[in-house]
Amino acid sequence: MYHPRKFMASILVDPEQQCSGIGRAIYNRLEEELTQRNAILAWTMSKEDLAKRIEFFRRRGFSERTRNWESRLDLSTANTALFHGYIDKALEDGITFTTLAEEQRRGQDSLRKIHELVQLIQADMPREADFTPLSYEQWETYSLKNPQLLPEGYFLAKHGSNYVGMSDVHRVDTEPGVLNQDDTGVIREYRGRGIATALKLKVMEFGKKNGYRTIKTWNESGNNPMLAINIKIGFKRRVGWILMEKTLRPESSR
């Protein structure tokens, strides 16, 4: 997403120096900068267990917009056999599964179709502002050329020659043995058929086969269908992050 007058802000102060006026001074300077830029909206984030940080921003007019949670799945105890029925049903419905690595070998046309799929899925994901689609070139740089991307673990669902679902993963260099599952989604016409669960299972099997211990992912509090899938599979929720929002002036103002 991109909007020239909406900003994400973060203030970090050494714990030993907190409550000494440093954060207040930084915020006052930040507010001046936002005013100069004619900003209409500001966001910030806080872990939900940081009561002092949350109260700091509440006193300055911020309120909760949404929450995001990191969830983790222990692959050593995850029972993939319980969910094989989702893959079987998808196959019976004519859905096939492939990977980005396989599709990359098919050439540029396939990659451009995958780019279109990703934009359709991401456009429907809950977010704090309107979705800003990426051009193919931007997506290629941001996603395909990401050195942490694992094309062999990036699963795609197809119906005939059409891509209808995806689930991408990255390795986490700071956490050996951990897979980061980013976006999982299915286009509207194919939702409610268990395809997203099947894609999740494919990633679980990839993780187990390649020696990963844990899969981690993030969920927005408004994305109830994906939260339900993760709970069903066995993901355990960790401390969440609160997105806080402050309206600085009406959006119609100049």
Protein backbone atom coordinates (compact mmCIF):
# COMPACT_ATOMS: atom_id res chain seq x y z
CA MET A 1 0.00 0.00 0.00
CA TYR A 2 1.14 3.56 -0.63
CA HIS A 3 -0.39 6.91 0.16
CA PRO A 4 1.70 10.11 0.09
CA ARG A 5 -0.07 11.55 3.16
CA LYS A 6 -0.35 8.46 5.37
CA PHE A 7 2.64 7.46 7.48
CA MET A 8 3.83 4.65 9.73
CA ALA A 9 5.79 5.93 12.73
CA SER A 10 7.85 4.19 15.37
CA ILE A 11 9.52 5.58 18.48
CA LEU A 12 12.07 3.45 20.32
CA VAL A 13 13.77 4.51 23.56
CA ASP A 14 16.37 2.59 25.56
CA PRO A 15 14.46 0.99 28.47
CA GLU A 16 16.90 2.57 30.95
CA GLN A 17 16.07 6.03 29.54
CA GLN A 18 12.30 5.71 29.36
CA CYS A 19 10.01 8.13 31.26
CA SER A 20 12.69 10.81 31.01
CA GLY A 21 11.08 12.91 28.26
CA ILE A 22 13.04 11.47 25.33
CA GLY A 23 10.04 9.76 23.75
CA ARG A 24 7.92 12.87 24.22
CA ALA A 25 10.57 15.03 22.53
CA ILE A 26 10.86 12.65 19.59
CA TYR A 27 7.07 12.53 19.22
CA ASN A 28 6.81 16.34 19.23
CA ARG A 29 9.45 16.55 16.51
CA LEU A 30 7.71 13.80 14.54
CA GLU A 31 4.39 15.63 14.81
CA GLU A 32 5.99 18.77 13.40
CA GLU A 33 7.33 16.77 10.45
CA LEU A 34 3.93 15.22 9.77
CA THR A 35 2.31 18.65 9.83
CA GLN A 36 4.86 19.96 7.33
CA ARG A 37 4.10 17.03 5.06
CA ASN A 38 0.36 17.73 5.29
CA ALA A 39 -0.20 14.21 6.66
CA ILE A 40 -3.78 13.06 7.15
CA LEU A 41 -3.14 9.82 9.05
CA ALA A 42 -0.46 8.24 11.20
CA TRP A 43 -0.05 4.66 12.39
CA THR A 44 2.19 3.06 14.95
CA MET A 45 2.54 -0.42 16.35
CA SER A 46 3.05 -1.90 19.80
CA LYS A 47 3.24 -5.37 21.24
CA GLU A 48 0.06 -5.96 23.20
CA ASP A 49 2.00 -6.61 26.44
CA LEU A 50 3.73 -3.19 26.40
CA ALA A 51 1.18 -1.28 28.46
CA LYS A 52 3.32 1.88 28.89
CA ARG A 53 3.93 2.19 25.15
CA ILE A 54 0.25 1.71 24.37
CA GLU A 55 -0.74 4.33 26.93
CA PHE A 56 1.91 6.75 25.57
CA PHE A 57 0.23 6.77 22.17
CA ARG A 58 -3.32 6.71 23.52
CA ARG A 59 -2.62 9.94 25.41
CA ARG A 60 -1.62 11.46 22.09
CA GLY A 61 -4.81 10.54 20.27
CA PHE A 62 -4.04 7.12 18.84
CA SER A 63 -6.60 4.31 19.07
CA GLU A 64 -6.52 0.64 18.20
CA ARG A 65 -7.27 -0.17 14.56
CA THR A 66 -6.48 -3.88 14.44
CA ARG A 67 -4.22 -6.61 15.82
CA ASN A 68 -1.78 -9.00 14.21
CA TRP A 69 -0.51 -12.21 15.73
CA GLU A 70 2.51 -14.32 15.05
CA SER A 71 1.62 -18.01 15.25
CA ARG A 72 3.98 -20.97 15.21
CA LEU A 73 3.59 -24.60 14.25
CA ASP A 74 5.88 -27.26 15.72
CA LEU A 75 6.56 -29.61 12.80
CA SER A 76 7.82 -32.37 15.08
CA THR A 77 4.31 -32.80 16.52
CA ALA A 78 2.19 -31.70 13.55
CA ASN A 79 0.15 -34.58 12.14
CA THR A 80 -0.10 -34.00 8.39
CA ALA A 81 -2.03 -37.26 7.90
CA LEU A 82 -5.09 -35.66 9.50
CA PHE A 83 -5.41 -33.22 6.61
CA HIS A 84 -4.61 -35.31 3.54
CA GLY A 85 -8.33 -35.37 2.75
CA TYR A 86 -8.09 -31.72 1.72
CA ILE A 87 -5.49 -32.54 -0.92
CA ASP A 88 -7.47 -35.56 -2.11
CA LYS A 89 -10.65 -33.51 -2.46
CA ALA A 90 -8.85 -30.76 -4.36
CA LEU A 91 -7.40 -33.30 -6.77
CA GLU A 92 -10.86 -34.81 -7.28
CA ASP A 93 -12.13 -31.33 -8.14
CA GLY A 94 -9.50 -30.97 -10.85
CA ILE A 95 -7.02 -28.87 -8.84
CA THR A 96 -3.33 -29.62 -9.30
CA PHE A 97 -0.41 -28.45 -7.17
CA THR A 98 2.91 -27.16 -8.37
CA THR A 99 5.76 -25.00 -7.09
CA LEU A 100 7.26 -21.71 -8.12
CA ALA A 101 10.46 -23.59 -8.97
CA GLU A 102 8.57 -25.73 -11.48
CA GLU A 103 6.71 -22.77 -12.95
CA GLN A 104 9.88 -20.71 -13.31
CA ARG A 105 11.13 -23.35 -15.74
CA ARG A 106 8.02 -22.76 -17.87
CA GLY A 107 9.12 -19.22 -18.61
CA GLN A 108 8.03 -15.61 -18.36
CA ASP A 109 4.38 -16.10 -19.31
CA SER A 110 3.83 -18.35 -16.28
CA LEU A 111 5.53 -15.87 -13.97
CA ARG A 112 3.37 -13.03 -15.23
CA LYS A 113 0.25 -15.10 -14.52
CA ILE A 114 1.52 -15.82 -11.02
CA HIS A 115 2.10 -12.09 -10.52
CA GLU A 116 -1.54 -11.46 -11.48
CA LEU A 117 -2.67 -14.16 -9.04
CA VAL A 118 -0.70 -12.63 -6.18
CA GLN A 119 -2.15 -9.18 -6.83
CA LEU A 120 -5.73 -10.57 -6.82
CA ILE A 121 -5.19 -12.42 -3.55
CA GLN A 122 -3.39 -9.59 -1.78
CA ALA A 123 -6.07 -7.10 -2.83
CA ASP A 124 -8.60 -9.04 -0.73
CA MET A 125 -6.44 -9.30 2.39
CA PRO A 126 -7.39 -7.10 5.37
CA ARG A 127 -5.15 -4.06 5.66
CA GLU A 128 -5.17 -0.61 7.19
CA ALA A 129 -5.32 1.24 3.86
CA ASP A 130 -6.28 0.64 0.25
CA PHE A 131 -4.21 -1.99 -1.52
CA THR A 132 -1.50 -0.70 -3.85
CA PRO A 133 -0.80 -3.25 -6.61
CA LEU A 134 2.80 -3.91 -7.60
CA SER A 135 3.90 -3.87 -11.20
CA TYR A 136 5.48 -7.06 -12.48
CA GLU A 137 8.92 -5.45 -12.23
CA GLN A 138 8.34 -4.39 -8.63
CA TRP A 139 7.03 -7.84 -7.70
CA GLU A 140 9.99 -9.50 -9.40
CA THR A 141 12.43 -7.38 -7.39
CA TYR A 142 10.55 -7.61 -4.10
CA SER A 143 9.58 -11.28 -4.25
CA LEU A 144 11.31 -13.38 -6.91
CA LYS A 145 14.74 -11.90 -6.28
CA ASN A 146 14.44 -12.07 -2.51
CA PRO A 147 17.44 -14.21 -1.47
CA GLN A 148 15.40 -15.80 1.34
CA LEU A 149 12.60 -16.98 -0.97
CA LEU A 150 12.34 -20.76 -1.31
CA PRO A 151 10.88 -21.48 -4.79
CA GLU A 152 10.67 -25.23 -4.01
CA GLY A 153 8.47 -24.45 -1.00
CA TYR A 154 6.33 -21.83 -2.73
CA PHE A 155 3.21 -23.81 -3.61
CA LEU A 156 0.61 -22.93 -6.24
CA ALA A 157 -2.81 -24.40 -6.97
CA LYS A 158 -3.95 -24.62 -10.59
CA HIS A 159 -7.21 -25.45 -12.33
CA GLY A 160 -6.26 -26.35 -15.85
CA SER A 161 -3.82 -23.64 -16.95
CA ASN A 162 -5.20 -21.07 -14.47
CA TYR A 163 -3.52 -20.28 -11.17
CA VAL A 164 -6.11 -20.15 -8.38
CA GLY A 165 -4.16 -20.23 -5.09
CA MET A 166 -0.72 -19.79 -3.55
CA SER A 167 1.31 -20.07 -0.35
CA ASP A 168 4.85 -18.67 -0.27
CA VAL A 169 7.62 -19.35 2.23
CA HIS A 170 11.00 -17.90 3.10
CA ARG A 171 13.80 -19.17 5.24
CA VAL A 172 14.63 -17.11 8.33
CA ASP A 173 18.38 -16.55 8.41
CA THR A 174 18.29 -15.36 12.02
CA GLU A 175 16.37 -18.49 13.09
CA PRO A 176 17.84 -21.66 11.59
CA GLY A 177 15.23 -24.36 11.21
CA VAL A 178 12.35 -21.88 10.92
CA LEU A 179 10.20 -21.29 7.82
CA ASN A 180 8.31 -18.04 7.45
CA GLN A 181 4.98 -18.62 5.69
CA ASP A 182 3.94 -15.26 4.29
CA ASP A 183 0.80 -15.10 2.17
CA THR A 184 -1.63 -17.96 1.68
CA GLY A 185 -4.74 -17.33 -0.36
CA VAL A 186 -7.18 -18.45 -3.02
CA ILE A 187 -9.03 -16.33 -5.57
CA ARG A 188 -12.68 -15.65 -4.78
CA GLU A 189 -14.26 -18.14 -7.17
CA TYR A 190 -12.37 -21.05 -5.56
CA ARG A 191 -12.74 -20.26 -1.88
CA GLY A 192 -14.52 -22.58 0.52
CA ARG A 193 -13.19 -25.74 -1.15
CA GLY A 194 -10.32 -26.48 1.25
CA ILE A 195 -7.64 -25.40 -1.24
CA ALA A 196 -5.95 -23.03 1.24
CA THR A 197 -5.73 -25.84 3.81
CA ALA A 198 -4.27 -28.14 1.15
CA LEU A 199 -1.64 -25.50 0.32
CA LYS A 200 -0.79 -25.17 4.01
CA LEU A 201 -0.35 -28.94 4.18
CA LYS A 202 1.96 -28.89 1.16
CA VAL A 203 4.17 -26.36 2.96
CA MET A 204 4.14 -28.49 6.13
CA GLU A 205 5.29 -31.53 4.14
CA PHE A 206 8.02 -29.47 2.47
CA GLY A 207 9.21 -28.25 5.87
CA LYS A 208 9.35 -31.73 7.36
CA LYS A 209 11.11 -33.20 4.32
CA ASN A 210 13.78 -30.49 4.38
CA GLY A 211 14.56 -30.59 8.09
CA TYR A 212 12.71 -27.50 9.30
CA ARG A 213 11.45 -27.58 12.89
CA THR A 214 8.97 -24.71 12.88
CA ILE A 215 6.70 -22.73 10.58
CA LYS A 216 5.74 -19.23 11.63
CA THR A 217 3.13 -16.97 10.11
CA TRP A 218 1.21 -13.78 10.81
CA ASN A 219 -2.52 -13.17 10.85
CA GLU A 220 -4.57 -9.99 10.94
CA SER A 221 -7.41 -10.10 13.48
CA GLY A 222 -10.02 -9.47 10.78
CA ASN A 223 -8.95 -12.43 8.67
CA ASN A 224 -11.16 -15.00 10.42
CA PRO A 225 -11.08 -17.69 7.69
CA MET A 226 -7.28 -17.92 7.74
CA LEU A 227 -7.16 -17.73 11.54
CA ALA A 228 -9.55 -20.68 11.65
CA ILE A 229 -7.39 -22.69 9.23
CA ASN A 230 -4.24 -22.06 11.27
CA ILE A 231 -5.92 -23.03 14.53
CA LYS A 232 -7.28 -26.21 12.92
CA ILE A 233 -3.82 -27.20 11.68
CA GLY A 234 -2.23 -26.61 15.08
CA PHE A 235 -0.58 -23.19 14.98
CA LYS A 236 -0.14 -21.66 18.44
CA ARG A 237 -0.66 -17.93 18.80
CA ARG A 238 1.99 -15.73 20.41
CA VAL A 239 1.84 -12.21 21.81
CA GLY A 240 0.17 -9.93 19.27
CA TRP A 241 0.94 -6.51 17.87
CA ILE A 242 -1.60 -3.69 18.00
CA LEU A 243 -1.87 -1.31 15.07
CA MET A 244 -2.82 2.12 16.41
CA GLU A 245 -4.13 4.96 14.27
CA LYS A 246 -4.51 8.71 14.58
CA THR A 247 -6.41 10.96 12.18
CA LEU A 248 -4.47 14.20 11.76
CA ARG A 249 -6.88 16.00 9.45
CA PRO A 250 -9.81 15.11 7.17
CA GLU A 251 -8.78 13.15 4.10
CA SER A 252 -10.44 15.73 1.85
CA SER A 253 -8.26 18.54 3.22
CA ARG A 254 -5.43 19.96 1.18
